[in-house]
PDB file of all heavy atoms in Angstrom:
ATOM      1  N   ASP A   1      85.489  34.945 -76.908  1.00  0.00           N
ATOM      2  CA  ASP A   1      85.425  36.038 -77.884  1.00  0.00           C
ATOM      3  C   ASP A   1      84.047  36.657 -77.877  1.00  0.00           C
ATOM      4  O   ASP A   1      83.871  37.867 -78.041  1.00  0.00           O
ATOM      5  CB  ASP A   1      85.745  35.493 -79.262  1.00  0.00           C
ATOM      6  CG  ASP A   1      87.238  35.212 -79.454  1.00  0.00           C
ATOM      7  OD1 ASP A   1      88.068  35.755 -78.639  1.00  0.00           O
ATOM      8  OD2 ASP A   1      87.590  34.404 -80.348  1.00  0.00           O
ATOM      9  N   TYR A   2      82.982  35.812 -77.680  1.00  0.00           N
ATOM     10  CA  TYR A   2      81.619  36.337 -77.547  1.00  0.00           C
ATOM     11  C   TYR A   2      81.501  37.272 -76.347  1.00  0.00           C
ATOM     12  O   TYR A   2      80.949  38.345 -76.434  1.00  0.00           O
ATOM     13  CB  TYR A   2      80.649  35.184 -77.454  1.00  0.00           C
ATOM     14  CG  TYR A   2      79.266  35.562 -77.010  1.00  0.00           C
ATOM     15  CD1 TYR A   2      78.367  36.198 -77.849  1.00  0.00           C
ATOM     16  CD2 TYR A   2      78.889  35.321 -75.672  1.00  0.00           C
ATOM     17  CE1 TYR A   2      77.082  36.568 -77.367  1.00  0.00           C
ATOM     18  CE2 TYR A   2      77.607  35.703 -75.226  1.00  0.00           C
ATOM     19  CZ  TYR A   2      76.696  36.296 -76.084  1.00  0.00           C
ATOM     20  OH  TYR A   2      75.484  36.675 -75.637  1.00  0.00           O
ATOM     21  N   VAL A   3      82.004  36.799 -75.203  1.00  0.00           N
ATOM     22  CA  VAL A   3      81.935  37.632 -74.006  1.00  0.00           C
ATOM     23  C   VAL A   3      82.678  38.943 -74.213  1.00  0.00           C
ATOM     24  O   VAL A   3      82.174  40.053 -73.859  1.00  0.00           O
ATOM     25  CB  VAL A   3      82.512  36.841 -72.788  1.00  0.00           C
ATOM     26  CG1 VAL A   3      82.503  37.760 -71.565  1.00  0.00           C
ATOM     27  CG2 VAL A   3      81.721  35.601 -72.521  1.00  0.00           C
ATOM     28  N   LYS A   4      83.855  38.896 -74.790  1.00  0.00           N
ATOM     29  CA  LYS A   4      84.651  40.071 -75.053  1.00  0.00           C
ATOM     30  C   LYS A   4      83.901  41.033 -75.969  1.00  0.00           C
ATOM     31  O   LYS A   4      83.929  42.263 -75.791  1.00  0.00           O
ATOM     32  CB  LYS A   4      86.015  39.659 -75.683  1.00  0.00           C
ATOM     33  CG  LYS A   4      86.878  40.838 -76.102  1.00  0.00           C
ATOM     34  CD  LYS A   4      87.417  41.643 -74.918  1.00  0.00           C
ATOM     35  CE  LYS A   4      88.369  42.722 -75.361  1.00  0.00           C
ATOM     36  NZ  LYS A   4      88.793  43.583 -74.197  1.00  0.00           N
ATOM     37  N   SER A   5      83.201  40.489 -76.961  1.00  0.00           N
ATOM     38  CA  SER A   5      82.501  41.348 -77.929  1.00  0.00           C
ATOM     39  C   SER A   5      81.367  42.135 -77.336  1.00  0.00           C
ATOM     40  O   SER A   5      80.981  43.171 -77.850  1.00  0.00           O
ATOM     41  CB  SER A   5      81.956  40.501 -79.100  1.00  0.00           C
ATOM     42  OG  SER A   5      80.832  39.715 -78.664  1.00  0.00           O
ATOM     43  N   LEU A   6      80.877  41.693 -76.166  1.00  0.00           N
ATOM     44  CA  LEU A   6      79.797  42.376 -75.518  1.00  0.00           C
ATOM     45  C   LEU A   6      80.328  43.713 -74.884  1.00  0.00           C
ATOM     46  O   LEU A   6      79.548  44.672 -74.739  1.00  0.00           O
ATOM     47  CB  LEU A   6      79.227  41.525 -74.394  1.00  0.00           C
ATOM     48  CG  LEU A   6      78.033  42.087 -73.596  1.00  0.00           C
ATOM     49  CD1 LEU A   6      76.852  42.434 -74.478  1.00  0.00           C
ATOM     50  CD2 LEU A   6      77.610  41.095 -72.486  1.00  0.00           C
ATOM     51  N   GLY A   7      81.611  43.738 -74.592  1.00  0.00           N
ATOM     52  CA  GLY A   7      82.195  44.962 -74.082  1.00  0.00           C
ATOM     53  C   GLY A   7      82.426  44.917 -72.542  1.00  0.00           C
ATOM     54  O   GLY A   7      82.536  45.979 -71.911  1.00  0.00           O
ATOM     55  N   VAL A   8      82.447  43.716 -71.978  1.00  0.00           N
ATOM     56  CA  VAL A   8      82.700  43.598 -70.561  1.00  0.00           C
ATOM     57  C   VAL A   8      84.205  43.541 -70.258  1.00  0.00           C
ATOM     58  O   VAL A   8      84.994  43.235 -71.141  1.00  0.00           O
ATOM     59  CB  VAL A   8      81.979  42.394 -69.943  1.00  0.00           C
ATOM     60  CG1 VAL A   8      80.506  42.496 -70.122  1.00  0.00           C
ATOM     61  CG2 VAL A   8      82.462  41.061 -70.515  1.00  0.00           C
ATOM     62  N   ASP A   9      84.542  43.757 -68.994  1.00  0.00           N
ATOM     63  CA  ASP A   9      85.945  43.871 -68.608  1.00  0.00           C
ATOM     64  C   ASP A   9      86.384  42.755 -67.706  1.00  0.00           C
ATOM     65  O   ASP A   9      87.582  42.420 -67.625  1.00  0.00           O
ATOM     66  CB  ASP A   9      86.154  45.200 -67.846  1.00  0.00           C
ATOM     67  CG  ASP A   9      85.621  46.377 -68.617  1.00  0.00           C
ATOM     68  OD1 ASP A   9      86.265  46.793 -69.586  1.00  0.00           O
ATOM     69  OD2 ASP A   9      84.547  46.922 -68.203  1.00  0.00           O
ATOM     70  N   ILE A  10      85.474  42.170 -66.988  1.00  0.00           N
ATOM     71  CA  ILE A  10      85.772  41.134 -65.987  1.00  0.00           C
ATOM     72  C   ILE A  10      84.772  40.022 -66.076  1.00  0.00           C
ATOM     73  O   ILE A  10      83.591  40.245 -66.310  1.00  0.00           O
ATOM     74  CB  ILE A  10      85.713  41.740 -64.559  1.00  0.00           C
ATOM     75  CG1 ILE A  10      86.676  42.896 -64.374  1.00  0.00           C
ATOM     76  CG2 ILE A  10      85.999  40.660 -63.481  1.00  0.00           C
ATOM     77  CD1 ILE A  10      86.547  43.673 -63.046  1.00  0.00           C
ATOM     78  N   ILE A  11      85.257  38.793 -65.934  1.00  0.00           N
ATOM     79  CA  ILE A  11      84.381  37.633 -65.863  1.00  0.00           C
ATOM     80  C   ILE A  11      84.395  37.171 -64.387  1.00  0.00           C
ATOM     81  O   ILE A  11      85.422  37.031 -63.790  1.00  0.00           O
ATOM     82  CB  ILE A  11      84.805  36.521 -66.753  1.00  0.00           C
ATOM     83  CG1 ILE A  11      84.609  36.869 -68.238  1.00  0.00           C
ATOM     84  CG2 ILE A  11      84.097  35.215 -66.396  1.00  0.00           C
ATOM     85  CD1 ILE A  11      85.185  35.878 -69.196  1.00  0.00           C
ATOM     86  N   TRP A  12      83.162  37.031 -63.843  1.00  0.00           N
ATOM     87  CA  TRP A  12      83.053  36.391 -62.548  1.00  0.00           C
ATOM     88  C   TRP A  12      82.583  34.947 -62.749  1.00  0.00           C
ATOM     89  O   TRP A  12      81.494  34.736 -63.302  1.00  0.00           O
ATOM     90  CB  TRP A  12      82.063  37.190 -61.690  1.00  0.00           C
ATOM     91  CG  TRP A  12      81.364  36.449 -60.573  1.00  0.00           C
ATOM     92  CD1 TRP A  12      81.758  35.309 -59.929  1.00  0.00           C
ATOM     93  CD2 TRP A  12      80.155  36.811 -59.911  1.00  0.00           C
ATOM     94  NE1 TRP A  12      80.840  34.927 -58.993  1.00  0.00           N
ATOM     95  CE2 TRP A  12      79.845  35.828 -58.934  1.00  0.00           C
ATOM     96  CE3 TRP A  12      79.227  37.863 -60.103  1.00  0.00           C
ATOM     97  CZ2 TRP A  12      78.714  35.873 -58.134  1.00  0.00           C
ATOM     98  CZ3 TRP A  12      78.091  37.910 -59.277  1.00  0.00           C
ATOM     99  CH2 TRP A  12      77.864  36.944 -58.328  1.00  0.00           C
ATOM    100  N   LEU A  13      83.435  34.021 -62.381  1.00  0.00           N
ATOM    101  CA  LEU A  13      83.131  32.590 -62.563  1.00  0.00           C
ATOM    102  C   LEU A  13      82.559  32.021 -61.221  1.00  0.00           C
ATOM    103  O   LEU A  13      83.245  32.018 -60.200  1.00  0.00           O
ATOM    104  CB  LEU A  13      84.362  31.820 -62.984  1.00  0.00           C
ATOM    105  CG  LEU A  13      84.236  30.345 -63.225  1.00  0.00           C
ATOM    106  CD1 LEU A  13      83.292  30.085 -64.388  1.00  0.00           C
ATOM    107  CD2 LEU A  13      85.599  29.722 -63.494  1.00  0.00           C
ATOM    108  N   SER A  14      81.329  31.552 -61.306  1.00  0.00           N
ATOM    109  CA  SER A  14      80.717  30.949 -60.099  1.00  0.00           C
ATOM    110  C   SER A  14      81.447  29.643 -59.776  1.00  0.00           C
ATOM    111  O   SER A  14      82.243  29.166 -60.619  1.00  0.00           O
ATOM    112  CB  SER A  14      79.239  30.702 -60.395  1.00  0.00           C
ATOM    113  OG  SER A  14      78.511  31.943 -60.484  1.00  0.00           O
ATOM    114  N   PRO A  15      81.173  29.065 -58.624  1.00  0.00           N
ATOM    115  CA  PRO A  15      82.065  27.966 -58.136  1.00  0.00           C
ATOM    116  C   PRO A  15      82.318  26.822 -59.123  1.00  0.00           C
ATOM    117  O   PRO A  15      81.382  26.239 -59.699  1.00  0.00           O
ATOM    118  CB  PRO A  15      81.329  27.433 -56.897  1.00  0.00           C
ATOM    119  CG  PRO A  15      80.598  28.643 -56.395  1.00  0.00           C
ATOM    120  CD  PRO A  15      80.162  29.392 -57.641  1.00  0.00           C
ATOM    121  N   MET A  16      83.594  26.593 -59.389  1.00  0.00           N
ATOM    122  CA  MET A  16      83.982  25.501 -60.250  1.00  0.00           C
ATOM    123  C   MET A  16      84.791  24.488 -59.506  1.00  0.00           C
ATOM    124  O   MET A  16      85.380  23.594 -60.094  1.00  0.00           O
ATOM    125  CB  MET A  16      84.752  26.051 -61.483  1.00  0.00           C
ATOM    126  CG  MET A  16      86.161  26.469 -61.207  1.00  0.00           C
ATOM    127  SD  MET A  16      86.371  27.823 -60.001  1.00  0.00           S
ATOM    128  CE  MET A  16      87.949  27.349 -59.337  1.00  0.00           C
ATOM    129  N   TYR A  17      84.862  24.645 -58.183  1.00  0.00           N
ATOM    130  CA  TYR A  17      85.669  23.765 -57.351  1.00  0.00           C
ATOM    131  C   TYR A  17      85.058  22.360 -57.259  1.00  0.00           C
ATOM    132  O   TYR A  17      83.880  22.156 -57.502  1.00  0.00           O
ATOM    133  CB  TYR A  17      85.768  24.356 -55.905  1.00  0.00           C
ATOM    134  CG  TYR A  17      86.138  25.818 -55.856  1.00  0.00           C
ATOM    135  CD1 TYR A  17      85.118  26.780 -55.717  1.00  0.00           C
ATOM    136  CD2 TYR A  17      87.446  26.256 -55.960  1.00  0.00           C
ATOM    137  CE1 TYR A  17      85.461  28.131 -55.632  1.00  0.00           C
ATOM    138  CE2 TYR A  17      87.769  27.583 -55.913  1.00  0.00           C
ATOM    139  CZ  TYR A  17      86.745  28.535 -55.759  1.00  0.00           C
ATOM    140  OH  TYR A  17      87.084  29.865 -55.754  1.00  0.00           O
ATOM    141  N   ASP A  18      85.862  21.427 -56.761  1.00  0.00           N
ATOM    142  CA  ASP A  18      85.376  20.083 -56.614  1.00  0.00           C
ATOM    143  C   ASP A  18      84.266  20.086 -55.546  1.00  0.00           C
ATOM    144  O   ASP A  18      84.373  20.741 -54.540  1.00  0.00           O
ATOM    145  CB  ASP A  18      86.509  19.117 -56.181  1.00  0.00           C
ATOM    146  CG  ASP A  18      86.193  17.682 -56.523  1.00  0.00           C
ATOM    147  OD1 ASP A  18      85.123  17.429 -57.125  1.00  0.00           O
ATOM    148  OD2 ASP A  18      87.018  16.826 -56.182  1.00  0.00           O
ATOM    149  N   SER A  19      83.199  19.319 -55.851  1.00  0.00           N
ATOM    150  CA  SER A  19      81.983  19.422 -54.986  1.00  0.00           C
ATOM    151  C   SER A  19      81.053  18.283 -55.294  1.00  0.00           C
ATOM    152  O   SER A  19      80.961  17.802 -56.452  1.00  0.00           O
ATOM    153  CB  SER A  19      81.309  20.737 -55.319  1.00  0.00           C
ATOM    154  OG  SER A  19      79.957  20.747 -54.827  1.00  0.00           O
ATOM    155  N   PRO A  20      80.314  17.786 -54.302  1.00  0.00           N
ATOM    156  CA  PRO A  20      79.245  16.840 -54.541  1.00  0.00           C
ATOM    157  C   PRO A  20      78.046  17.456 -55.266  1.00  0.00           C
ATOM    158  O   PRO A  20      77.143  16.720 -55.633  1.00  0.00           O
ATOM    159  CB  PRO A  20      78.828  16.370 -53.164  1.00  0.00           C
ATOM    160  CG  PRO A  20      79.964  16.743 -52.245  1.00  0.00           C
ATOM    161  CD  PRO A  20      80.547  17.991 -52.849  1.00  0.00           C
ATOM    162  N   GLN A  21      77.990  18.788 -55.374  1.00  0.00           N
ATOM    163  CA  GLN A  21      76.943  19.515 -56.092  1.00  0.00           C
ATOM    164  C   GLN A  21      75.567  19.417 -55.454  1.00  0.00           C
ATOM    165  O   GLN A  21      74.541  19.441 -56.134  1.00  0.00           O
ATOM    166  CB  GLN A  21      76.886  19.028 -57.550  1.00  0.00           C
ATOM    167  CG  GLN A  21      78.192  19.231 -58.343  1.00  0.00           C
ATOM    168  CD  GLN A  21      78.486  20.669 -58.595  1.00  0.00           C
ATOM    169  OE1 GLN A  21      77.591  21.483 -58.890  1.00  0.00           O
ATOM    170  NE2 GLN A  21      79.775  21.086 -58.509  1.00  0.00           N
ATOM    171  N   ASP A  22      75.536  19.298 -54.114  1.00  0.00           N
ATOM    172  CA  ASP A  22      74.210  19.389 -53.447  1.00  0.00           C
ATOM    173  C   ASP A  22      73.607  20.742 -53.581  1.00  0.00           C
ATOM    174  O   ASP A  22      72.422  20.931 -53.677  1.00  0.00           O
ATOM    175  CB  ASP A  22      74.360  19.083 -51.944  1.00  0.00           C
ATOM    176  CG  ASP A  22      74.462  17.578 -51.674  1.00  0.00           C
ATOM    177  OD1 ASP A  22      74.364  16.769 -52.649  1.00  0.00           O
ATOM    178  OD2 ASP A  22      74.639  17.161 -50.530  1.00  0.00           O
ATOM    179  N   ASP A  23      74.488  21.777 -53.627  1.00  0.00           N
ATOM    180  CA  ASP A  23      74.045  23.154 -53.790  1.00  0.00           C
ATOM    181  C   ASP A  23      74.819  23.814 -54.920  1.00  0.00           C
ATOM    182  O   ASP A  23      75.327  24.923 -54.798  1.00  0.00           O
ATOM    183  CB  ASP A  23      74.215  23.961 -52.449  1.00  0.00           C
ATOM    184  CG  ASP A  23      73.638  25.381 -52.559  1.00  0.00           C
ATOM    185  OD1 ASP A  23      72.724  25.592 -53.367  1.00  0.00           O
ATOM    186  OD2 ASP A  23      74.150  26.271 -51.832  1.00  0.00           O
ATOM    187  N   MET A  24      74.839  23.128 -56.040  1.00  0.00           N
ATOM    188  CA  MET A  24      75.436  23.624 -57.281  1.00  0.00           C
ATOM    189  C   MET A  24      76.823  24.243 -57.055  1.00  0.00           C
ATOM    190  O   MET A  24      77.165  25.307 -57.562  1.00  0.00           O
ATOM    191  CB  MET A  24      74.498  24.667 -57.882  1.00  0.00           C
ATOM    192  CG  MET A  24      73.198  24.096 -58.418  1.00  0.00           C
ATOM    193  SD  MET A  24      73.420  22.728 -59.593  1.00  0.00           S
ATOM    194  CE  MET A  24      74.361  23.526 -60.880  1.00  0.00           C
ATOM    195  N   GLY A  25      77.652  23.514 -56.298  1.00  0.00           N
ATOM    196  CA  GLY A  25      79.043  23.917 -56.151  1.00  0.00           C
ATOM    197  C   GLY A  25      79.324  24.833 -55.007  1.00  0.00           C
ATOM    198  O   GLY A  25      80.502  25.122 -54.744  1.00  0.00           O
ATOM    199  N   TYR A  26      78.282  25.282 -54.305  1.00  0.00           N
ATOM    200  CA  TYR A  26      78.499  26.080 -53.091  1.00  0.00           C
ATOM    201  C   TYR A  26      78.776  25.192 -51.853  1.00  0.00           C
ATOM    202  O   TYR A  26      78.823  25.675 -50.727  1.00  0.00           O
ATOM    203  CB  TYR A  26      77.369  27.055 -52.841  1.00  0.00           C
ATOM    204  CG  TYR A  26      77.450  28.243 -53.791  1.00  0.00           C
ATOM    205  CD1 TYR A  26      76.800  28.214 -55.023  1.00  0.00           C
ATOM    206  CD2 TYR A  26      78.213  29.365 -53.441  1.00  0.00           C
ATOM    207  CE1 TYR A  26      76.925  29.287 -55.906  1.00  0.00           C
ATOM    208  CE2 TYR A  26      78.318  30.435 -54.330  1.00  0.00           C
ATOM    209  CZ  TYR A  26      77.655  30.402 -55.532  1.00  0.00           C
ATOM    210  OH  TYR A  26      77.801  31.435 -56.392  1.00  0.00           O
ATOM    211  N   ASP A  27      78.876  23.894 -52.149  1.00  0.00           N
ATOM    212  CA  ASP A  27      79.279  22.906 -51.137  1.00  0.00           C
ATOM    213  C   ASP A  27      80.601  22.346 -51.619  1.00  0.00           C
ATOM    214  O   ASP A  27      80.657  21.376 -52.385  1.00  0.00           O
ATOM    215  CB  ASP A  27      78.222  21.807 -50.978  1.00  0.00           C
ATOM    216  CG  ASP A  27      77.784  21.192 -52.317  1.00  0.00           C
ATOM    217  OD1 ASP A  27      77.620  21.944 -53.296  1.00  0.00           O
ATOM    218  OD2 ASP A  27      77.587  19.985 -52.408  1.00  0.00           O
ATOM    219  N   ILE A  28      81.686  22.943 -51.212  1.00  0.00           N
ATOM    220  CA  ILE A  28      83.032  22.647 -51.765  1.00  0.00           C
ATOM    221  C   ILE A  28      83.708  21.537 -50.950  1.00  0.00           C
ATOM    222  O   ILE A  28      83.823  21.627 -49.711  1.00  0.00           O
ATOM    223  CB  ILE A  28      83.895  23.916 -51.749  1.00  0.00           C
ATOM    224  CG1 ILE A  28      83.281  24.966 -52.698  1.00  0.00           C
ATOM    225  CG2 ILE A  28      85.337  23.620 -52.180  1.00  0.00           C
ATOM    226  CD1 ILE A  28      83.873  26.338 -52.617  1.00  0.00           C
ATOM    227  N   SER A  29      84.194  20.511 -51.664  1.00  0.00           N
ATOM    228  CA  SER A  29      84.907  19.430 -50.999  1.00  0.00           C
ATOM    229  C   SER A  29      86.427  19.585 -51.129  1.00  0.00           C
ATOM    230  O   SER A  29      87.168  18.946 -50.369  1.00  0.00           O
ATOM    231  CB  SER A  29      84.465  18.090 -51.583  1.00  0.00           C
ATOM    232  OG  SER A  29      84.640  18.065 -52.953  1.00  0.00           O
ATOM    233  N   ASP A  30      86.893  20.429 -52.018  1.00  0.00           N
ATOM    234  CA  ASP A  30      88.364  20.705 -52.136  1.00  0.00           C
ATOM    235  C   ASP A  30      88.510  22.016 -52.862  1.00  0.00           C
ATOM    236  O   ASP A  30      88.155  22.150 -54.054  1.00  0.00           O
ATOM    237  CB  ASP A  30      89.056  19.586 -52.897  1.00  0.00           C
ATOM    238  CG  ASP A  30      90.561  19.658 -52.732  1.00  0.00           C
ATOM    239  OD1 ASP A  30      91.095  20.771 -52.609  1.00  0.00           O
ATOM    240  OD2 ASP A  30      91.233  18.588 -52.717  1.00  0.00           O
ATOM    241  N   TYR A  31      89.031  23.035 -52.144  1.00  0.00           N
ATOM    242  CA  TYR A  31      89.225  24.352 -52.754  1.00  0.00           C
ATOM    243  C   TYR A  31      90.304  24.331 -53.865  1.00  0.00           C
ATOM    244  O   TYR A  31      90.313  25.263 -54.713  1.00  0.00           O
ATOM    245  CB  TYR A  31      89.660  25.359 -51.682  1.00  0.00           C
ATOM    246  CG  TYR A  31      88.582  25.740 -50.674  1.00  0.00           C
ATOM    247  CD1 TYR A  31      88.630  25.226 -49.393  1.00  0.00           C
ATOM    248  CD2 TYR A  31      87.553  26.549 -51.060  1.00  0.00           C
ATOM    249  CE1 TYR A  31      87.653  25.573 -48.473  1.00  0.00           C
ATOM    250  CE2 TYR A  31      86.530  26.895 -50.132  1.00  0.00           C
ATOM    251  CZ  TYR A  31      86.609  26.406 -48.840  1.00  0.00           C
ATOM    252  OH  TYR A  31      85.643  26.763 -47.951  1.00  0.00           O
ATOM    253  N   GLU A  32      91.147  23.362 -53.815  1.00  0.00           N
ATOM    254  CA  GLU A  32      92.297  23.362 -54.738  1.00  0.00           C
ATOM    255  C   GLU A  32      92.140  22.420 -55.931  1.00  0.00           C
ATOM    256  O   GLU A  32      93.097  22.148 -56.640  1.00  0.00           O
ATOM    257  CB  GLU A  32      93.562  23.035 -53.963  1.00  0.00           C
ATOM    258  CG  GLU A  32      93.856  24.045 -52.852  1.00  0.00           C
ATOM    259  CD  GLU A  32      95.016  23.630 -51.973  1.00  0.00           C
ATOM    260  OE1 GLU A  32      95.932  22.943 -52.432  1.00  0.00           O
ATOM    261  OE2 GLU A  32      95.024  24.058 -50.773  1.00  0.00           O
TER     262      GLU A  32
END
């Protein structure tokens, strides 16, 4: 609701995939 109140239209979510997190999720161990 906070994000919506700013007036934006799209959220871009940075990597949330399974990962050892050596590079904050840009090292993906399972895309699914």
